[in-house]
Amino acid sequence: MIIKYIIHYFLIKKYKNMENIENKFPIFSYGSNSISQLRGRLGNYSLKSYPAYIDGYKRIFCGHSNNWNGGIATLIEKKYIKTYGSIVYLDNNELSKLDSFEKIYTKKEVKCQIMINEIYNECKCLTYIANDNTWLSPPSEQYLIAIKIMLDENFKNNNYIIISKINENNKIENIQKWIIRNINELSLVSLFVIVNQYKDTPWRMPKVINNIIYKLNSIDIFDINTLKKYLSNKDYFIDLNNKLEYKNHTKISDETFFILKQLLEV
């Protein structure tokens, strides 16, 4: 199978700013696997992503993830539909690591259009398709934000995400157009999903973020407004970390502190 991707490498290596992708697999992401999430999960902080889309597939939601607290994305074949996302190039070791995060999915080879230097080129890539696309629960706000981050990394004017499912008649049903709320109205966990995209060394999503929320809840921080009080000056932030230490939790880093201040305009 790797021969196909070596051929693809020689077809597109003429384009400028292209990383060395020899012996690597192109992986199409359409869900929460933004470049920041992939960097954190795979431990490769120099990974690059490229805008891409596939024809004849639609993003829907299915199942239930305890880590994401809701339904998760998959693809289903649907004529005349384009699904936008991104492509990253992974080596065998990175692909094996990613497989460990996608245990309820199976890899499938699909045709994809990848944009390099403002030009779309067809290639074959791998993507993850859920083993069971039964709808169990709607996607959580934090998961939808993770998808939006992935899309925003590669495309402009991405204003909403359509939440769709397979209904009881085995038909695709569009449920809602989801639009992100004002950042001050988000849940704490959603806020930290946004924080993650700005970190030099992103967290392993979403478990690390869930642990952060657990720590903050333990010192009675349950919402953004309460958190903002601790961000208003450095002394208050030191007090926050002292409270975490007293509870035997690790501190919130200075990097995270400054990202939060910028995002919340404190």
C-alpha atoms as a PDB file:
ATOM      1  CA  MET A   1       0.000   0.000   0.000  1.00  0.00           C
ATOM      2  CA  ILE A   2       2.810   2.413   0.763  1.00  0.00           C
ATOM      3  CA  ILE A   3       3.808   2.380  -2.951  1.00  0.00           C
ATOM      4  CA  LYS A   4       0.698   4.449  -3.732  1.00  0.00           C
ATOM      5  CA  TYR A   5       1.810   7.158  -1.329  1.00  0.00           C
ATOM      6  CA  ILE A   6       5.380   7.160  -2.645  1.00  0.00           C
ATOM      7  CA  ILE A   7       3.940   7.787  -6.121  1.00  0.00           C
ATOM      8  CA  HIS A   8       1.850  10.603  -4.659  1.00  0.00           C
ATOM      9  CA  TYR A   9       5.027  12.075  -3.152  1.00  0.00           C
ATOM     10  CA  PHE A  10       6.725  12.279  -6.544  1.00  0.00           C
ATOM     11  CA  LEU A  11       3.615  13.815  -8.116  1.00  0.00           C
ATOM     12  CA  ILE A  12       3.462  16.766  -5.723  1.00  0.00           C
ATOM     13  CA  LYS A  13       7.045  17.277  -4.543  1.00  0.00           C
ATOM     14  CA  LYS A  14       7.488  20.022  -7.169  1.00  0.00           C
ATOM     15  CA  TYR A  15       5.322  22.370  -5.094  1.00  0.00           C
ATOM     16  CA  LYS A  16       7.052  24.843  -2.819  1.00  0.00           C
ATOM     17  CA  ASN A  17       6.698  24.760   0.954  1.00  0.00           C
ATOM     18  CA  MET A  18       5.818  21.076   0.888  1.00  0.00           C
ATOM     19  CA  GLU A  19       7.284  18.995   3.708  1.00  0.00           C
ATOM     20  CA  ASN A  20       9.234  15.816   3.008  1.00  0.00           C
ATOM     21  CA  ILE A  21       6.474  13.211   2.804  1.00  0.00           C
ATOM     22  CA  GLU A  22       8.423  10.281   1.411  1.00  0.00           C
ATOM     23  CA  ASN A  23       7.291   7.023   3.039  1.00  0.00           C
ATOM     24  CA  LYS A  24       4.469   8.835   4.832  1.00  0.00           C
ATOM     25  CA  PHE A  25       0.713   8.305   4.700  1.00  0.00           C
ATOM     26  CA  PRO A  26      -1.728  11.130   3.900  1.00  0.00           C
ATOM     27  CA  ILE A  27      -4.489  11.123   6.538  1.00  0.00           C
ATOM     28  CA  PHE A  28      -7.710  13.054   5.936  1.00  0.00           C
ATOM     29  CA  SER A  29      -9.190  14.655   9.074  1.00  0.00           C
ATOM     30  CA  TYR A  30     -12.791  15.863   9.166  1.00  0.00           C
ATOM     31  CA  GLY A  31     -13.487  15.829  12.917  1.00  0.00           C
ATOM     32  CA  SER A  32     -11.613  16.947  16.010  1.00  0.00           C
ATOM     33  CA  ASN A  33      -8.133  16.096  14.703  1.00  0.00           C
ATOM     34  CA  SER A  34      -6.876  19.632  14.238  1.00  0.00           C
ATOM     35  CA  ILE A  35      -3.145  20.105  13.823  1.00  0.00           C
ATOM     36  CA  SER A  36      -2.849  21.137  17.489  1.00  0.00           C
ATOM     37  CA  GLN A  37      -4.713  18.011  18.619  1.00  0.00           C
ATOM     38  CA  LEU A  38      -2.582  15.769  16.403  1.00  0.00           C
ATOM     39  CA  ARG A  39       0.644  17.392  17.600  1.00  0.00           C
ATOM     40  CA  GLY A  40      -0.355  16.759  21.201  1.00  0.00           C
ATOM     41  CA  ARG A  41      -1.486  13.197  20.591  1.00  0.00           C
ATOM     42  CA  LEU A  42       1.499  12.172  18.482  1.00  0.00           C
ATOM     43  CA  GLY A  43       4.210  14.206  20.205  1.00  0.00           C
ATOM     44  CA  ASN A  44       5.349  15.738  16.901  1.00  0.00           C
ATOM     45  CA  TYR A  45       5.117  19.507  17.291  1.00  0.00           C
ATOM     46  CA  SER A  46       6.279  20.234  13.734  1.00  0.00           C
ATOM     47  CA  LEU A  47       3.403  18.444  11.975  1.00  0.00           C
ATOM     48  CA  LYS A  48       1.811  20.432   9.153  1.00  0.00           C
ATOM     49  CA  SER A  49      -1.704  20.274   7.760  1.00  0.00           C
ATOM     50  CA  TYR A  50      -3.037  21.080   4.312  1.00  0.00           C
ATOM     51  CA  PRO A  51      -6.561  22.120   3.275  1.00  0.00           C
ATOM     52  CA  ALA A  52      -8.451  19.253   1.684  1.00  0.00           C
ATOM     53  CA  TYR A  53     -11.896  17.908   0.839  1.00  0.00           C
ATOM     54  CA  ILE A  54     -13.480  14.680  -0.348  1.00  0.00           C
ATOM     55  CA  ASP A  55     -16.376  14.278  -2.779  1.00  0.00           C
ATOM     56  CA  GLY A  56     -19.288  11.972  -2.172  1.00  0.00           C
ATOM     57  CA  TYR A  57     -19.090  11.858   1.624  1.00  0.00           C
ATOM     58  CA  LYS A  58     -20.970  13.710   4.342  1.00  0.00           C
ATOM     59  CA  ARG A  59     -19.993  14.335   7.965  1.00  0.00           C
ATOM     60  CA  ILE A  60     -22.557  12.934  10.393  1.00  0.00           C
ATOM     61  CA  PHE A  61     -22.531  12.231  14.131  1.00  0.00           C
ATOM     62  CA  CYS A  62     -22.939   8.947  15.915  1.00  0.00           C
ATOM     63  CA  GLY A  63     -22.197   6.992  19.078  1.00  0.00           C
ATOM     64  CA  HIS A  64     -21.136   8.515  22.373  1.00  0.00           C
ATOM     65  CA  SER A  65     -17.693   9.404  23.706  1.00  0.00           C
ATOM     66  CA  ASN A  66     -17.298   9.764  27.462  1.00  0.00           C
ATOM     67  CA  ASN A  67     -14.138  11.809  26.907  1.00  0.00           C
ATOM     68  CA  TRP A  68     -15.952  14.256  24.627  1.00  0.00           C
ATOM     69  CA  ASN A  69     -19.256  13.943  26.510  1.00  0.00           C
ATOM     70  CA  GLY A  70     -21.346  13.355  23.407  1.00  0.00           C
ATOM     71  CA  GLY A  71     -21.609  12.058  19.876  1.00  0.00           C
ATOM     72  CA  ILE A  72     -18.612  11.960  17.548  1.00  0.00           C
ATOM     73  CA  ALA A  73     -18.110  12.457  13.833  1.00  0.00           C
ATOM     74  CA  THR A  74     -17.956   9.912  11.061  1.00  0.00           C
ATOM     75  CA  LEU A  75     -18.432   9.923   7.291  1.00  0.00           C
ATOM     76  CA  ILE A  76     -21.147   8.353   5.186  1.00  0.00           C
ATOM     77  CA  GLU A  77     -21.313   8.132   1.420  1.00  0.00           C
ATOM     78  CA  LYS A  78     -23.579  10.805  -0.077  1.00  0.00           C
ATOM     79  CA  LYS A  79     -23.605  11.904  -3.707  1.00  0.00           C
ATOM     80  CA  TYR A  80     -22.959  15.532  -4.634  1.00  0.00           C
ATOM     81  CA  ILE A  81     -21.635  16.398  -1.168  1.00  0.00           C
ATOM     82  CA  LYS A  82     -18.192  17.764  -0.355  1.00  0.00           C
ATOM     83  CA  THR A  83     -16.755  17.379   3.135  1.00  0.00           C
ATOM     84  CA  TYR A  84     -13.955  19.760   4.027  1.00  0.00           C
ATOM     85  CA  GLY A  85     -11.085  19.003   6.338  1.00  0.00           C
ATOM     86  CA  SER A  86      -7.318  18.664   6.261  1.00  0.00           C
ATOM     87  CA  ILE A  87      -4.540  16.262   5.366  1.00  0.00           C
ATOM     88  CA  VAL A  88      -1.493  15.472   7.484  1.00  0.00           C
ATOM     89  CA  TYR A  89       1.359  13.162   6.542  1.00  0.00           C
ATOM     90  CA  LEU A  90       2.252  10.549   9.156  1.00  0.00           C
ATOM     91  CA  ASP A  91       4.951   7.916   9.303  1.00  0.00           C
ATOM     92  CA  ASN A  92       4.259   4.336  10.383  1.00  0.00           C
ATOM     93  CA  ASN A  93       4.947   5.029  14.049  1.00  0.00           C
ATOM     94  CA  GLU A  94       2.712   8.112  14.126  1.00  0.00           C
ATOM     95  CA  LEU A  95      -0.045   6.259  12.310  1.00  0.00           C
ATOM     96  CA  SER A  96       0.084   3.474  14.903  1.00  0.00           C
ATOM     97  CA  LYS A  97      -0.176   6.048  17.696  1.00  0.00           C
ATOM     98  CA  LEU A  98      -3.184   7.658  16.026  1.00  0.00           C
ATOM     99  CA  ASP A  99      -4.828   4.249  15.634  1.00  0.00           C
ATOM    100  CA  SER A 100      -4.733   3.899  19.419  1.00  0.00           C
ATOM    101  CA  PHE A 101      -6.943   7.004  19.725  1.00  0.00           C
ATOM    102  CA  GLU A 102      -9.360   5.827  17.009  1.00  0.00           C
ATOM    103  CA  LYS A 103     -10.240   2.383  18.327  1.00  0.00           C
ATOM    104  CA  ILE A 104     -13.896   2.497  17.277  1.00  0.00           C
ATOM    105  CA  TYR A 105     -12.932   3.522  13.739  1.00  0.00           C
ATOM    106  CA  THR A 106     -11.574   1.645  10.728  1.00  0.00           C
ATOM    107  CA  LYS A 107      -9.202   3.222   8.213  1.00  0.00           C
ATOM    108  CA  LYS A 108     -10.511   3.500   4.657  1.00  0.00           C
ATOM    109  CA  GLU A 109      -8.794   4.663   1.497  1.00  0.00           C
ATOM    110  CA  VAL A 110     -10.628   7.493  -0.290  1.00  0.00           C
ATOM    111  CA  LYS A 111      -9.932   9.931  -3.100  1.00  0.00           C
ATOM    112  CA  CYS A 112      -9.213  13.400  -1.825  1.00  0.00           C
ATOM    113  CA  GLN A 113      -8.432  16.872  -3.134  1.00  0.00           C
ATOM    114  CA  ILE A 114      -5.511  18.502  -1.332  1.00  0.00           C
ATOM    115  CA  MET A 115      -4.611  22.173  -1.717  1.00  0.00           C
ATOM    116  CA  ILE A 116      -0.929  23.005  -2.167  1.00  0.00           C
ATOM    117  CA  ASN A 117       0.089  26.528  -3.185  1.00  0.00           C
ATOM    118  CA  GLU A 118      -3.565  27.466  -3.822  1.00  0.00           C
ATOM    119  CA  ILE A 119      -4.047  24.550  -6.263  1.00  0.00           C
ATOM    120  CA  TYR A 120      -6.148  21.444  -5.581  1.00  0.00           C
ATOM    121  CA  ASN A 121      -4.632  18.112  -6.569  1.00  0.00           C
ATOM    122  CA  GLU A 122      -6.261  14.696  -6.402  1.00  0.00           C
ATOM    123  CA  CYS A 123      -4.638  12.044  -4.245  1.00  0.00           C
ATOM    124  CA  LYS A 124      -5.530   8.878  -2.418  1.00  0.00           C
ATOM    125  CA  CYS A 125      -5.553   9.169   1.348  1.00  0.00           C
ATOM    126  CA  LEU A 126      -6.657   7.301   4.442  1.00  0.00           C
ATOM    127  CA  THR A 127      -9.468   8.408   6.706  1.00  0.00           C
ATOM    128  CA  TYR A 128     -11.180   6.960   9.773  1.00  0.00           C
ATOM    129  CA  ILE A 129     -14.788   5.718   9.464  1.00  0.00           C
ATOM    130  CA  ALA A 130     -16.772   4.740  12.573  1.00  0.00           C
ATOM    131  CA  ASN A 131     -17.569   1.033  12.861  1.00  0.00           C
ATOM    132  CA  ASP A 132     -21.122   1.861  13.989  1.00  0.00           C
ATOM    133  CA  ASN A 133     -22.867   5.033  12.810  1.00  0.00           C
ATOM    134  CA  THR A 134     -25.894   4.665  15.089  1.00  0.00           C
ATOM    135  CA  TRP A 135     -26.957   7.966  16.648  1.00  0.00           C
ATOM    136  CA  LEU A 136     -26.825   7.837  20.450  1.00  0.00           C
ATOM    137  CA  SER A 137     -26.373  11.440  21.570  1.00  0.00           C
ATOM    138  CA  PRO A 138     -25.709  14.883  20.080  1.00  0.00           C
ATOM    139  CA  PRO A 139     -22.123  16.145  19.926  1.00  0.00           C
ATOM    140  CA  SER A 140     -21.003  18.315  22.818  1.00  0.00           C
ATOM    141  CA  GLU A 141     -20.133  21.975  22.499  1.00  0.00           C
ATOM    142  CA  GLN A 142     -16.456  21.243  23.151  1.00  0.00           C
ATOM    143  CA  TYR A 143     -16.349  18.611  20.403  1.00  0.00           C
ATOM    144  CA  LEU A 144     -17.977  20.926  17.876  1.00  0.00           C
ATOM    145  CA  ILE A 145     -15.460  23.619  18.802  1.00  0.00           C
ATOM    146  CA  ALA A 146     -12.650  21.130  18.186  1.00  0.00           C
ATOM    147  CA  ILE A 147     -14.061  20.496  14.690  1.00  0.00           C
ATOM    148  CA  LYS A 148     -14.391  24.222  14.048  1.00  0.00           C
ATOM    149  CA  ILE A 149     -10.747  24.730  15.067  1.00  0.00           C
ATOM    150  CA  MET A 150      -9.688  22.079  12.545  1.00  0.00           C
ATOM    151  CA  LEU A 151     -11.709  23.760   9.794  1.00  0.00           C
ATOM    152  CA  ASP A 152     -10.597  27.281  10.707  1.00  0.00           C
ATOM    153  CA  GLU A 153      -6.958  26.213  10.427  1.00  0.00           C
ATOM    154  CA  ASN A 154      -7.486  25.566   6.746  1.00  0.00           C
ATOM    155  CA  PHE A 155     -10.511  27.496   5.474  1.00  0.00           C
ATOM    156  CA  LYS A 156     -11.909  31.003   5.901  1.00  0.00           C
ATOM    157  CA  ASN A 157     -15.546  31.935   6.502  1.00  0.00           C
ATOM    158  CA  ASN A 158     -16.361  28.672   8.265  1.00  0.00           C
ATOM    159  CA  ASN A 159     -19.340  30.003  10.171  1.00  0.00           C
ATOM    160  CA  TYR A 160     -21.300  26.906  11.160  1.00  0.00           C
ATOM    161  CA  ILE A 161     -21.312  23.108  11.373  1.00  0.00           C
ATOM    162  CA  ILE A 162     -24.319  21.062  10.307  1.00  0.00           C
ATOM    163  CA  ILE A 163     -25.227  18.417  12.878  1.00  0.00           C
ATOM    164  CA  SER A 164     -26.599  15.384  11.011  1.00  0.00           C
ATOM    165  CA  LYS A 165     -27.444  11.811  11.891  1.00  0.00           C
ATOM    166  CA  ILE A 166     -28.808   8.569  10.460  1.00  0.00           C
ATOM    167  CA  ASN A 167     -32.450   8.435  11.580  1.00  0.00           C
ATOM    168  CA  GLU A 168     -34.697   5.472  12.339  1.00  0.00           C
ATOM    169  CA  ASN A 169     -35.559   5.198   8.618  1.00  0.00           C
ATOM    170  CA  ASN A 170     -31.854   4.863   7.782  1.00  0.00           C
ATOM    171  CA  LYS A 171     -31.890   8.274   6.106  1.00  0.00           C
ATOM    172  CA  ILE A 172     -29.575  11.208   6.674  1.00  0.00           C
ATOM    173  CA  GLU A 173     -31.334  13.843   8.771  1.00  0.00           C
ATOM    174  CA  ASN A 174     -29.986  17.356   9.287  1.00  0.00           C
ATOM    175  CA  ILE A 175     -30.784  18.404  12.854  1.00  0.00           C
ATOM    176  CA  GLN A 176     -29.179  21.770  13.459  1.00  0.00           C
ATOM    177  CA  LYS A 177     -26.812  24.423  12.164  1.00  0.00           C
ATOM    178  CA  TRP A 178     -24.422  24.933  15.049  1.00  0.00           C
ATOM    179  CA  ILE A 179     -22.790  28.346  15.481  1.00  0.00           C
ATOM    180  CA  ILE A 180     -20.211  29.059  18.178  1.00  0.00           C
ATOM    181  CA  ARG A 181     -21.324  31.379  20.974  1.00  0.00           C
ATOM    182  CA  ASN A 182     -19.466  34.336  22.415  1.00  0.00           C
ATOM    183  CA  ILE A 183     -16.387  32.989  24.171  1.00  0.00           C
ATOM    184  CA  ASN A 184     -17.552  34.346  27.542  1.00  0.00           C
ATOM    185  CA  GLU A 185     -20.695  32.214  27.270  1.00  0.00           C
ATOM    186  CA  LEU A 186     -18.872  28.934  26.708  1.00  0.00           C
ATOM    187  CA  SER A 187     -18.312  26.185  29.246  1.00  0.00           C
ATOM    188  CA  LEU A 188     -14.907  25.932  30.899  1.00  0.00           C
ATOM    189  CA  VAL A 189     -14.016  22.784  28.980  1.00  0.00           C
ATOM    190  CA  SER A 190     -14.877  24.475  25.666  1.00  0.00           C
ATOM    191  CA  LEU A 191     -12.665  27.395  26.597  1.00  0.00           C
ATOM    192  CA  PHE A 192      -9.698  25.111  27.224  1.00  0.00           C
ATOM    193  CA  VAL A 193     -10.228  23.358  23.888  1.00  0.00           C
ATOM    194  CA  ILE A 194      -9.657  26.776  22.330  1.00  0.00           C
ATOM    195  CA  VAL A 195      -6.642  27.430  24.572  1.00  0.00           C
ATOM    196  CA  ASN A 196      -5.020  24.223  23.359  1.00  0.00           C
ATOM    197  CA  GLN A 197      -4.657  25.423  19.774  1.00  0.00           C
ATOM    198  CA  TYR A 198      -2.356  28.254  20.903  1.00  0.00           C
ATOM    199  CA  LYS A 199       0.006  26.202  23.074  1.00  0.00           C
ATOM    200  CA  ASP A 200       3.572  25.561  21.932  1.00  0.00           C
ATOM    201  CA  THR A 201       3.258  21.982  23.155  1.00  0.00           C
ATOM    202  CA  PRO A 202      -0.440  21.089  22.918  1.00  0.00           C
ATOM    203  CA  TRP A 203      -2.096  18.756  25.406  1.00  0.00           C
ATOM    204  CA  ARG A 204      -3.202  15.224  24.644  1.00  0.00           C
ATOM    205  CA  MET A 205      -6.846  15.832  23.902  1.00  0.00           C
ATOM    206  CA  PRO A 206      -9.354  15.552  25.432  1.00  0.00           C
ATOM    207  CA  LYS A 207      -8.237  13.737  28.600  1.00  0.00           C
ATOM    208  CA  VAL A 208      -5.777  16.399  29.770  1.00  0.00           C
ATOM    209  CA  ILE A 209      -8.407  19.100  29.408  1.00  0.00           C
ATOM    210  CA  ASN A 210     -10.908  17.046  31.377  1.00  0.00           C
ATOM    211  CA  ASN A 211      -8.287  16.730  34.125  1.00  0.00           C
ATOM    212  CA  ILE A 212      -7.785  20.504  34.126  1.00  0.00           C
ATOM    213  CA  ILE A 213     -11.510  21.053  34.547  1.00  0.00           C
ATOM    214  CA  TYR A 214     -11.555  18.540  37.405  1.00  0.00           C
ATOM    215  CA  LYS A 215      -8.768  20.489  39.128  1.00  0.00           C
ATOM    216  CA  LEU A 216     -10.521  23.828  38.689  1.00  0.00           C
ATOM    217  CA  ASN A 217     -13.822  22.432  39.927  1.00  0.00           C
ATOM    218  CA  SER A 218     -12.030  21.168  43.055  1.00  0.00           C
ATOM    219  CA  ILE A 219     -11.279  24.779  44.017  1.00  0.00           C
ATOM    220  CA  ASP A 220     -14.810  25.979  43.155  1.00  0.00           C
ATOM    221  CA  ILE A 221     -14.127  27.321  39.666  1.00  0.00           C
ATOM    222  CA  PHE A 222     -17.039  26.138  37.543  1.00  0.00           C
ATOM    223  CA  ASP A 223     -17.447  28.858  34.930  1.00  0.00           C
ATOM    224  CA  ILE A 224     -15.540  31.440  32.922  1.00  0.00           C
ATOM    225  CA  ASN A 225     -16.648  34.418  35.013  1.00  0.00           C
ATOM    226  CA  THR A 226     -15.170  32.903  38.167  1.00  0.00           C
ATOM    227  CA  LEU A 227     -11.970  32.007  36.343  1.00  0.00           C
ATOM    228  CA  LYS A 228     -11.618  35.563  35.033  1.00  0.00           C
ATOM    229  CA  LYS A 229     -11.337  36.890  38.576  1.00  0.00           C
ATOM    230  CA  TYR A 230      -8.159  34.858  39.032  1.00  0.00           C
ATOM    231  CA  LEU A 231      -6.779  36.127  35.726  1.00  0.00           C
ATOM    232  CA  SER A 232      -7.205  39.817  36.509  1.00  0.00           C
ATOM    233  CA  ASN A 233      -3.692  40.078  37.960  1.00  0.00           C
ATOM    234  CA  LYS A 234      -0.668  37.889  38.627  1.00  0.00           C
ATOM    235  CA  ASP A 235      -1.204  37.782  42.395  1.00  0.00           C
ATOM    236  CA  TYR A 236      -4.678  36.323  41.985  1.00  0.00           C
ATOM    237  CA  PHE A 237      -3.300  33.745  39.560  1.00  0.00           C
ATOM    238  CA  ILE A 238      -0.607  32.789  42.094  1.00  0.00           C
ATOM    239  CA  ASP A 239      -3.399  32.347  44.634  1.00  0.00           C
ATOM    240  CA  LEU A 240      -5.211  30.029  42.187  1.00  0.00           C
ATOM    241  CA  ASN A 241      -2.102  27.876  41.830  1.00  0.00           C
ATOM    242  CA  ASN A 242      -1.573  27.849  45.590  1.00  0.00           C
ATOM    243  CA  LYS A 243      -5.089  26.495  46.012  1.00  0.00           C
ATOM    244  CA  LEU A 244      -4.381  23.804  43.405  1.00  0.00           C
ATOM    245  CA  GLU A 245      -1.158  22.828  45.179  1.00  0.00           C
ATOM    246  CA  TYR A 246      -3.018  22.589  48.475  1.00  0.00           C
ATOM    247  CA  LYS A 247      -5.338  20.078  46.775  1.00  0.00           C
ATOM    248  CA  ASN A 248      -2.281  18.172  45.488  1.00  0.00           C
ATOM    249  CA  HIS A 249      -2.912  19.222  41.890  1.00  0.00           C
ATOM    250  CA  THR A 250      -0.350  20.468  39.399  1.00  0.00           C
ATOM    251  CA  LYS A 251      -0.268  24.192  38.679  1.00  0.00           C
ATOM    252  CA  ILE A 252      -1.668  25.990  35.646  1.00  0.00           C
ATOM    253  CA  SER A 253       1.318  27.104  33.557  1.00  0.00           C
ATOM    254  CA  ASP A 254       2.260  30.710  32.855  1.00  0.00           C
ATOM    255  CA  GLU A 255       1.802  30.010  29.148  1.00  0.00           C
ATOM    256  CA  THR A 256      -1.807  28.933  29.731  1.00  0.00           C
ATOM    257  CA  PHE A 257      -2.348  31.953  31.982  1.00  0.00           C
ATOM    258  CA  PHE A 258      -1.277  34.384  29.247  1.00  0.00           C
ATOM    259  CA  ILE A 259      -3.298  32.600  26.547  1.00  0.00           C
ATOM    260  CA  LEU A 260      -6.397  32.795  28.768  1.00  0.00           C
ATOM    261  CA  LYS A 261      -5.835  36.497  29.420  1.00  0.00           C
ATOM    262  CA  GLN A 262      -5.580  37.186  25.690  1.00  0.00           C
ATOM    263  CA  LEU A 263      -8.645  35.136  24.793  1.00  0.00           C
ATOM    264  CA  LEU A 264     -10.829  36.574  27.544  1.00  0.00           C
ATOM    265  CA  GLU A 265      -9.382  40.103  27.257  1.00  0.00           C
ATOM    266  CA  VAL A 266      -8.815  40.284  31.001  1.00  0.00           C
END
